[in-house]
Amino acid sequence: MTGMTREQAVIAVGYPLTSETPTLDSPIWRHWVSSFEEYQLLWGSDGLIKEISAVDTVKNAIVYQPAR
């Protein structure tokens, strides 16, 4: 979810591949759902996730959205 810390993101989805994200201080973390489906966590200057970038099908599968 947006607003999560790096620690919370690691607990929720694991560490990004070091070949894709060389350091955890990177402003963008690349994660892969499959060989062809990726998503990116974009970090704000405050150290929180400001955006999750992915195609809709991937985003709907990975982003928690509480029931309304």
Protein backbone atom coordinates (compact mmCIF):
# COMPACT_ATOMS: atom_id res chain seq x y z
CA MET A 1 0.00 0.00 0.00
CA THR A 2 1.11 3.55 -0.47
CA GLY A 3 2.41 5.05 2.76
CA MET A 4 4.31 1.91 3.83
CA THR A 5 7.90 2.10 5.07
CA ARG A 6 10.73 0.12 3.48
CA GLU A 7 10.64 -2.32 6.39
CA GLN A 8 6.89 -2.87 5.94
CA ALA A 9 7.36 -3.40 2.19
CA VAL A 10 10.07 -6.02 2.78
CA ILE A 11 7.80 -7.85 5.22
CA ALA A 12 4.86 -7.68 2.78
CA VAL A 13 6.54 -8.53 -0.54
CA GLY A 14 10.15 -9.44 0.25
CA TYR A 15 13.40 -7.92 -0.89
CA PRO A 16 13.75 -6.76 -4.49
CA LEU A 17 16.27 -8.58 -6.68
CA THR A 18 19.72 -7.04 -6.20
CA SER A 19 20.30 -7.15 -9.97
CA GLU A 20 17.27 -4.88 -10.43
CA THR A 21 17.61 -2.77 -7.28
CA PRO A 22 21.26 -2.56 -6.22
CA THR A 23 20.56 -0.80 -2.90
CA LEU A 24 17.55 -0.53 -0.60
CA ASP A 25 18.05 3.24 -0.63
CA SER A 26 17.11 3.32 -4.33
CA PRO A 27 14.13 5.59 -5.13
CA ILE A 28 12.55 2.77 -7.17
CA TRP A 29 12.35 -0.92 -6.29
CA ARG A 30 11.54 -3.35 -9.11
CA HIS A 31 9.69 -6.53 -8.22
CA TRP A 32 8.48 -9.32 -10.51
CA VAL A 33 5.25 -11.31 -10.22
CA SER A 34 6.32 -13.55 -13.12
CA SER A 35 8.85 -13.50 -15.94
CA PHE A 36 6.68 -11.01 -17.82
CA GLU A 37 4.87 -9.05 -15.09
CA GLU A 38 6.65 -6.48 -12.96
CA TYR A 39 5.70 -3.72 -10.60
CA GLN A 40 7.68 -0.88 -9.15
CA LEU A 41 7.57 0.70 -5.72
CA LEU A 42 8.37 4.41 -5.98
CA TRP A 43 9.65 5.97 -2.78
CA GLY A 44 9.06 9.53 -1.62
CA SER A 45 11.65 11.72 0.05
CA ASP A 46 9.96 10.90 3.37
CA GLY A 47 10.92 7.21 2.96
CA LEU A 48 7.36 6.02 2.34
CA ILE A 49 5.88 4.41 -0.76
CA LYS A 50 4.37 7.25 -2.78
CA GLU A 51 3.24 5.18 -5.77
CA ILE A 52 2.98 1.60 -6.99
CA SER A 53 3.47 1.40 -10.73
CA ALA A 54 2.10 -1.62 -12.60
CA VAL A 55 -0.40 -2.62 -15.25
CA ASP A 56 -3.92 -2.85 -13.84
CA THR A 57 -4.07 -6.65 -13.68
CA VAL A 58 -0.85 -6.82 -11.64
CA LYS A 59 -1.77 -3.86 -9.46
CA ASN A 60 -5.16 -5.37 -8.63
CA ALA A 61 -3.46 -8.62 -7.61
CA ILE A 62 -0.77 -7.10 -5.37
CA VAL A 63 -2.20 -3.94 -3.79
CA TYR A 64 -4.35 -4.32 -0.70
CA GLN A 65 -7.61 -2.44 -1.04
CA PRO A 66 -9.85 -2.59 2.01
CA ALA A 67 -13.52 -3.41 1.44
CA ARG A 68 -15.78 -0.41 1.13
